[in-house]
PDB file of all heavy atoms in Angstrom:
ATOM      1  N   GLY A   1     107.015 226.810-150.896  1.00  0.00           N
ATOM      2  CA  GLY A   1     106.072 226.749-149.785  1.00  0.00           C
ATOM      3  C   GLY A   1     105.273 225.468-149.729  1.00  0.00           C
ATOM      4  O   GLY A   1     105.017 224.938-148.640  1.00  0.00           O
ATOM      5  N   SER A   2     104.870 224.942-150.883  1.00  0.00           N
ATOM      6  CA  SER A   2     104.062 223.725-150.875  1.00  0.00           C
ATOM      7  C   SER A   2     104.869 222.545-150.350  1.00  0.00           C
ATOM      8  O   SER A   2     104.380 221.750-149.538  1.00  0.00           O
ATOM      9  CB  SER A   2     103.525 223.427-152.280  1.00  0.00           C
ATOM     10  OG  SER A   2     104.581 223.238-153.205  1.00  0.00           O
ATOM     11  N   ALA A   3     106.136 222.411-150.773  1.00  0.00           N
ATOM     12  CA  ALA A   3     106.970 221.300-150.322  1.00  0.00           C
ATOM     13  C   ALA A   3     107.186 221.351-148.811  1.00  0.00           C
ATOM     14  O   ALA A   3     107.102 220.324-148.122  1.00  0.00           O
ATOM     15  CB  ALA A   3     108.313 221.320-151.051  1.00  0.00           C
ATOM     16  N   LEU A   4     107.451 222.540-148.276  1.00  0.00           N
ATOM     17  CA  LEU A   4     107.663 222.672-146.842  1.00  0.00           C
ATOM     18  C   LEU A   4     106.378 222.409-146.067  1.00  0.00           C
ATOM     19  O   LEU A   4     106.396 221.784-144.999  1.00  0.00           O
ATOM     20  CB  LEU A   4     108.193 224.070-146.519  1.00  0.00           C
ATOM     21  CG  LEU A   4     109.523 224.453-147.181  1.00  0.00           C
ATOM     22  CD1 LEU A   4     109.960 225.834-146.721  1.00  0.00           C
ATOM     23  CD2 LEU A   4     110.600 223.429-146.879  1.00  0.00           C
ATOM     24  N   SER A   5     105.268 222.868-146.613  1.00  0.00           N
ATOM     25  CA  SER A   5     103.976 222.650-145.949  1.00  0.00           C
ATOM     26  C   SER A   5     103.610 221.175-145.937  1.00  0.00           C
ATOM     27  O   SER A   5     103.053 220.662-144.961  1.00  0.00           O
ATOM     28  CB  SER A   5     102.881 223.464-146.652  1.00  0.00           C
ATOM     29  OG  SER A   5     103.170 224.853-146.613  1.00  0.00           O
ATOM     30  N   ILE A   6     103.924 220.468-147.025  1.00  0.00           N
ATOM     31  CA  ILE A   6     103.662 219.028-147.095  1.00  0.00           C
ATOM     32  C   ILE A   6     104.479 218.291-146.042  1.00  0.00           C
ATOM     33  O   ILE A   6     103.973 217.428-145.327  1.00  0.00           O
ATOM     34  CB  ILE A   6     103.980 218.496-148.505  1.00  0.00           C
ATOM     35  CG1 ILE A   6     102.938 219.008-149.512  1.00  0.00           C
ATOM     36  CG2 ILE A   6     104.026 216.963-148.528  1.00  0.00           C
ATOM     37  CD1 ILE A   6     103.335 218.796-150.960  1.00  0.00           C
ATOM     38  N   ALA A   7     105.760 218.633-145.940  1.00  0.00           N
ATOM     39  CA  ALA A   7     106.627 217.988-144.953  1.00  0.00           C
ATOM     40  C   ALA A   7     106.126 218.266-143.536  1.00  0.00           C
ATOM     41  O   ALA A   7     106.121 217.381-142.676  1.00  0.00           O
ATOM     42  CB  ALA A   7     108.064 218.471-145.114  1.00  0.00           C
ATOM     43  N   HIS A   8     105.698 219.497-143.284  1.00  0.00           N
ATOM     44  CA  HIS A   8     105.208 219.863-141.958  1.00  0.00           C
ATOM     45  C   HIS A   8     103.911 219.136-141.631  1.00  0.00           C
ATOM     46  O   HIS A   8     103.741 218.595-140.536  1.00  0.00           O
ATOM     47  CB  HIS A   8     104.987 221.377-141.885  1.00  0.00           C
ATOM     48  CG  HIS A   8     104.355 221.841-140.614  1.00  0.00           C
ATOM     49  ND1 HIS A   8     103.007 222.118-140.520  1.00  0.00           N
ATOM     50  CD2 HIS A   8     104.868 222.053-139.372  1.00  0.00           C
ATOM     51  CE1 HIS A   8     102.723 222.502-139.294  1.00  0.00           C
ATOM     52  NE2 HIS A   8     103.831 222.476-138.573  1.00  0.00           N
ATOM     53  N   GLU A   9     102.987 219.104-142.587  1.00  0.00           N
ATOM     54  CA  GLU A   9     101.681 218.489-142.330  1.00  0.00           C
ATOM     55  C   GLU A   9     101.790 216.988-142.114  1.00  0.00           C
ATOM     56  O   GLU A   9     101.089 216.420-141.280  1.00  0.00           O
ATOM     57  CB  GLU A   9     100.729 218.791-143.487  1.00  0.00           C
ATOM     58  CG  GLU A   9      99.323 218.244-143.288  1.00  0.00           C
ATOM     59  CD  GLU A   9      98.343 218.731-144.338  1.00  0.00           C
ATOM     60  OE1 GLU A   9      98.505 219.869-144.827  1.00  0.00           O
ATOM     61  OE2 GLU A   9      97.418 217.973-144.673  1.00  0.00           O
ATOM     62  N   THR A  10     102.671 216.333-142.873  1.00  0.00           N
ATOM     63  CA  THR A  10     102.806 214.875-142.762  1.00  0.00           C
ATOM     64  C   THR A  10     103.840 214.458-141.730  1.00  0.00           C
ATOM     65  O   THR A  10     104.022 213.263-141.484  1.00  0.00           O
ATOM     66  CB  THR A  10     103.189 214.273-144.121  1.00  0.00           C
ATOM     67  OG1 THR A  10     104.424 214.846-144.580  1.00  0.00           O
ATOM     68  CG2 THR A  10     102.106 214.527-145.158  1.00  0.00           C
ATOM     69  N   LYS A  11     104.534 215.452-141.143  1.00  0.00           N
ATOM     70  CA  LYS A  11     105.576 215.192-140.137  1.00  0.00           C
ATOM     71  C   LYS A  11     106.701 214.310-140.687  1.00  0.00           C
ATOM     72  O   LYS A  11     107.313 213.523-139.953  1.00  0.00           O
ATOM     73  CB  LYS A  11     104.978 214.564-138.871  1.00  0.00           C
ATOM     74  CG  LYS A  11     104.014 215.485-138.134  1.00  0.00           C
ATOM     75  CD  LYS A  11     103.465 214.826-136.881  1.00  0.00           C
ATOM     76  CE  LYS A  11     102.656 215.812-136.037  1.00  0.00           C
ATOM     77  NZ  LYS A  11     101.519 216.388-136.778  1.00  0.00           N
ATOM     78  N   LEU A  12     106.978 214.456-141.973  1.00  0.00           N
ATOM     79  CA  LEU A  12     108.096 213.745-142.588  1.00  0.00           C
ATOM     80  C   LEU A  12     109.321 214.662-142.614  1.00  0.00           C
ATOM     81  O   LEU A  12     109.246 215.780-143.128  1.00  0.00           O
ATOM     82  CB  LEU A  12     107.749 213.313-144.011  1.00  0.00           C
ATOM     83  CG  LEU A  12     106.962 212.014-144.157  1.00  0.00           C
ATOM     84  CD1 LEU A  12     106.467 211.847-145.596  1.00  0.00           C
ATOM     85  CD2 LEU A  12     107.810 210.818-143.749  1.00  0.00           C
ATOM     86  N   PRO A  13     110.451 214.242-142.082  1.00  0.00           N
ATOM     87  CA  PRO A  13     111.658 215.071-142.097  1.00  0.00           C
ATOM     88  C   PRO A  13     112.141 215.335-143.527  1.00  0.00           C
ATOM     89  O   PRO A  13     111.966 214.500-144.418  1.00  0.00           O
ATOM     90  CB  PRO A  13     112.679 214.224-141.329  1.00  0.00           C
ATOM     91  CG  PRO A  13     111.868 213.253-140.533  1.00  0.00           C
ATOM     92  CD  PRO A  13     110.657 212.972-141.360  1.00  0.00           C
ATOM     93  N   LEU A  14     112.749 216.493-143.720  1.00  0.00           N
ATOM     94  CA  LEU A  14     113.357 216.825-145.005  1.00  0.00           C
ATOM     95  C   LEU A  14     114.768 216.251-145.045  1.00  0.00           C
ATOM     96  O   LEU A  14     115.553 216.451-144.119  1.00  0.00           O
ATOM     97  CB  LEU A  14     113.407 218.341-145.198  1.00  0.00           C
ATOM     98  CG  LEU A  14     112.062 219.025-145.427  1.00  0.00           C
ATOM     99  CD1 LEU A  14     112.214 220.541-145.331  1.00  0.00           C
ATOM    100  CD2 LEU A  14     111.482 218.637-146.780  1.00  0.00           C
ATOM    101  N   ALA A  15     115.077 215.535-146.130  1.00  0.00           N
ATOM    102  CA  ALA A  15     116.388 214.888-146.248  1.00  0.00           C
ATOM    103  C   ALA A  15     117.339 215.685-147.131  1.00  0.00           C
ATOM    104  O   ALA A  15     118.513 215.837-146.820  1.00  0.00           O
ATOM    105  CB  ALA A  15     116.221 213.479-146.800  1.00  0.00           C
ATOM    106  N   GLY A  16     116.856 216.174-148.262  1.00  0.00           N
ATOM    107  CA  GLY A  16     117.732 216.877-149.193  1.00  0.00           C
ATOM    108  C   GLY A  16     116.953 217.361-150.394  1.00  0.00           C
ATOM    109  O   GLY A  16     115.726 217.214-150.470  1.00  0.00           O
ATOM    110  N   ILE A  17     117.677 217.944-151.352  1.00  0.00           N
ATOM    111  CA  ILE A  17     117.039 218.476-152.546  1.00  0.00           C
ATOM    112  C   ILE A  17     117.978 218.343-153.737  1.00  0.00           C
ATOM    113  O   ILE A  17     119.199 218.475-153.602  1.00  0.00           O
ATOM    114  CB  ILE A  17     116.632 219.960-152.339  1.00  0.00           C
ATOM    115  CG1 ILE A  17     115.838 220.476-153.544  1.00  0.00           C
ATOM    116  CG2 ILE A  17     117.856 220.838-152.087  1.00  0.00           C
ATOM    117  CD1 ILE A  17     115.210 221.850-153.303  1.00  0.00           C
ATOM    118  N   SER A  18     117.409 218.076-154.895  1.00  0.00           N
ATOM    119  CA  SER A  18     118.152 218.060-156.156  1.00  0.00           C
ATOM    120  C   SER A  18     117.828 219.336-156.910  1.00  0.00           C
ATOM    121  O   SER A  18     116.655 219.653-157.116  1.00  0.00           O
ATOM    122  CB  SER A  18     117.760 216.840-156.992  1.00  0.00           C
ATOM    123  OG  SER A  18     118.372 216.909-158.276  1.00  0.00           O
ATOM    124  N   ARG A  19     118.874 220.058-157.325  1.00  0.00           N
ATOM    125  CA  ARG A  19     118.632 221.325-158.025  1.00  0.00           C
ATOM    126  C   ARG A  19     119.355 221.379-159.362  1.00  0.00           C
ATOM    127  O   ARG A  19     119.683 222.455-159.860  1.00  0.00           O
ATOM    128  CB  ARG A  19     119.048 222.499-157.137  1.00  0.00           C
ATOM    129  CG  ARG A  19     118.168 222.662-155.924  1.00  0.00           C
ATOM    130  CD  ARG A  19     118.130 224.075-155.415  1.00  0.00           C
ATOM    131  NE  ARG A  19     119.296 224.430-154.623  1.00  0.00           N
ATOM    132  CZ  ARG A  19     119.521 225.637-154.116  1.00  0.00           C
ATOM    133  NH1 ARG A  19     118.655 226.601-154.322  1.00  0.00           N
ATOM    134  NH2 ARG A  19     120.599 225.867-153.404  1.00  0.00           N
ATOM    135  N   SER A  20     119.589 220.200-159.954  1.00  0.00           N
ATOM    136  CA  SER A  20     120.212 220.151-161.272  1.00  0.00           C
ATOM    137  C   SER A  20     119.952 218.784-161.896  1.00  0.00           C
ATOM    138  O   SER A  20     119.989 217.763-161.202  1.00  0.00           O
ATOM    139  CB  SER A  20     121.718 220.392-161.170  1.00  0.00           C
ATOM    140  OG  SER A  20     122.356 220.133-162.412  1.00  0.00           O
ATOM    141  N   PRO A  21     119.701 218.729-163.223  1.00  0.00           N
ATOM    142  CA  PRO A  21     119.547 217.442-163.891  1.00  0.00           C
ATOM    143  C   PRO A  21     120.888 216.778-164.195  1.00  0.00           C
ATOM    144  O   PRO A  21     120.934 215.642-164.658  1.00  0.00           O
ATOM    145  CB  PRO A  21     118.809 217.815-165.184  1.00  0.00           C
ATOM    146  CG  PRO A  21     119.259 219.217-165.469  1.00  0.00           C
ATOM    147  CD  PRO A  21     119.422 219.864-164.121  1.00  0.00           C
ATOM    148  N   ASP A  22     121.975 217.483-163.900  1.00  0.00           N
ATOM    149  CA  ASP A  22     123.325 216.972-164.155  1.00  0.00           C
ATOM    150  C   ASP A  22     123.699 215.969-163.069  1.00  0.00           C
ATOM    151  O   ASP A  22     123.697 216.294-161.880  1.00  0.00           O
ATOM    152  CB  ASP A  22     124.317 218.137-164.167  1.00  0.00           C
ATOM    153  CG  ASP A  22     125.723 217.717-164.579  1.00  0.00           C
ATOM    154  OD1 ASP A  22     126.015 216.508-164.582  1.00  0.00           O
ATOM    155  OD2 ASP A  22     126.532 218.614-164.895  1.00  0.00           O
ATOM    156  N   VAL A  23     124.018 214.742-163.470  1.00  0.00           N
ATOM    157  CA  VAL A  23     124.318 213.696-162.490  1.00  0.00           C
ATOM    158  C   VAL A  23     125.570 214.002-161.679  1.00  0.00           C
ATOM    159  O   VAL A  23     125.748 213.488-160.569  1.00  0.00           O
ATOM    160  CB  VAL A  23     124.454 212.331-163.207  1.00  0.00           C
ATOM    161  CG1 VAL A  23     125.745 212.288-164.019  1.00  0.00           C
ATOM    162  CG2 VAL A  23     124.401 211.177-162.220  1.00  0.00           C
ATOM    163  N   THR A  24     126.443 214.850-162.195  1.00  0.00           N
ATOM    164  CA  THR A  24     127.665 215.198-161.455  1.00  0.00           C
ATOM    165  C   THR A  24     127.430 216.286-160.410  1.00  0.00           C
ATOM    166  O   THR A  24     128.319 216.563-159.605  1.00  0.00           O
ATOM    167  CB  THR A  24     128.779 215.665-162.417  1.00  0.00           C
ATOM    168  OG1 THR A  24     128.364 216.871-163.072  1.00  0.00           O
ATOM    169  CG2 THR A  24     129.084 214.592-163.448  1.00  0.00           C
ATOM    170  N   LYS A  25     126.255 216.923-160.469  1.00  0.00           N
ATOM    171  CA  LYS A  25     125.914 217.936-159.460  1.00  0.00           C
ATOM    172  C   LYS A  25     125.224 217.222-158.298  1.00  0.00           C
ATOM    173  O   LYS A  25     124.112 216.721-158.456  1.00  0.00           O
ATOM    174  CB  LYS A  25     124.985 219.004-160.049  1.00  0.00           C
ATOM    175  CG  LYS A  25     125.581 219.794-161.197  1.00  0.00           C
ATOM    176  CD  LYS A  25     126.713 220.682-160.729  1.00  0.00           C
ATOM    177  CE  LYS A  25     127.322 221.470-161.893  1.00  0.00           C
ATOM    178  NZ  LYS A  25     126.347 222.382-162.536  1.00  0.00           N
ATOM    179  N   PRO A  26     125.862 217.127-157.152  1.00  0.00           N
ATOM    180  CA  PRO A  26     125.329 216.306-156.055  1.00  0.00           C
ATOM    181  C   PRO A  26     124.031 216.848-155.470  1.00  0.00           C
ATOM    182  O   PRO A  26     123.699 218.030-155.637  1.00  0.00           O
ATOM    183  CB  PRO A  26     126.459 216.334-155.026  1.00  0.00           C
ATOM    184  CG  PRO A  26     127.173 217.618-155.286  1.00  0.00           C
ATOM    185  CD  PRO A  26     127.105 217.814-156.779  1.00  0.00           C
ATOM    186  N   LEU A  27     123.319 215.965-154.799  1.00  0.00           N
ATOM    187  CA  LEU A  27     122.163 216.387-154.020  1.00  0.00           C
ATOM    188  C   LEU A  27     122.637 217.278-152.881  1.00  0.00           C
ATOM    189  O   LEU A  27     123.775 217.174-152.425  1.00  0.00           O
ATOM    190  CB  LEU A  27     121.435 215.166-153.443  1.00  0.00           C
ATOM    191  CG  LEU A  27     120.949 214.112-154.443  1.00  0.00           C
ATOM    192  CD1 LEU A  27     120.357 212.921-153.692  1.00  0.00           C
ATOM    193  CD2 LEU A  27     119.923 214.699-155.393  1.00  0.00           C
ATOM    194  N   GLU A  28     121.784 218.153-152.428  1.00  0.00           N
ATOM    195  CA  GLU A  28     122.123 219.061-151.338  1.00  0.00           C
ATOM    196  C   GLU A  28     121.346 218.666-150.090  1.00  0.00           C
ATOM    197  O   GLU A  28     120.132 218.463-150.143  1.00  0.00           O
ATOM    198  CB  GLU A  28     121.784 220.505-151.716  1.00  0.00           C
ATOM    199  CG  GLU A  28     122.498 220.992-152.968  1.00  0.00           C
ATOM    200  CD  GLU A  28     121.986 222.346-153.427  1.00  0.00           C
ATOM    201  OE1 GLU A  28     121.513 223.117-152.557  1.00  0.00           O
ATOM    202  OE2 GLU A  28     122.032 222.625-154.635  1.00  0.00           O
ATOM    203  N   SER A  29     122.049 218.532-148.968  1.00  0.00           N
ATOM    204  CA  SER A  29     121.365 218.239-147.714  1.00  0.00           C
ATOM    205  C   SER A  29     120.534 219.442-147.284  1.00  0.00           C
ATOM    206  O   SER A  29     120.893 220.586-147.548  1.00  0.00           O
ATOM    207  CB  SER A  29     122.381 217.899-146.611  1.00  0.00           C
ATOM    208  OG  SER A  29     122.994 216.659-146.849  1.00  0.00           O
ATOM    209  N   LEU A  30     119.431 219.164-146.619  1.00  0.00           N
ATOM    210  CA  LEU A  30     118.593 220.232-146.083  1.00  0.00           C
ATOM    211  C   LEU A  30     118.675 220.224-144.559  1.00  0.00           C
ATOM    212  O   LEU A  30     118.546 219.183-143.921  1.00  0.00           O
ATOM    213  CB  LEU A  30     117.141 220.065-146.540  1.00  0.00           C
ATOM    214  CG  LEU A  30     116.854 220.421-147.994  1.00  0.00           C
ATOM    215  CD1 LEU A  30     115.388 220.180-148.335  1.00  0.00           C
ATOM    216  CD2 LEU A  30     117.233 221.875-148.298  1.00  0.00           C
TER     217      LEU A  30
END
C-alpha cells in the first residue's frame, strides 16, 4: 500500500518490480 500510495501522490508511473535477489530472475513489469 505504501508504494502504490507514493506513486499515486507523486504522480510517478509504476515501471516494474523486483521480487528476487537472484540476478537470473527478471524484473516484472507492472
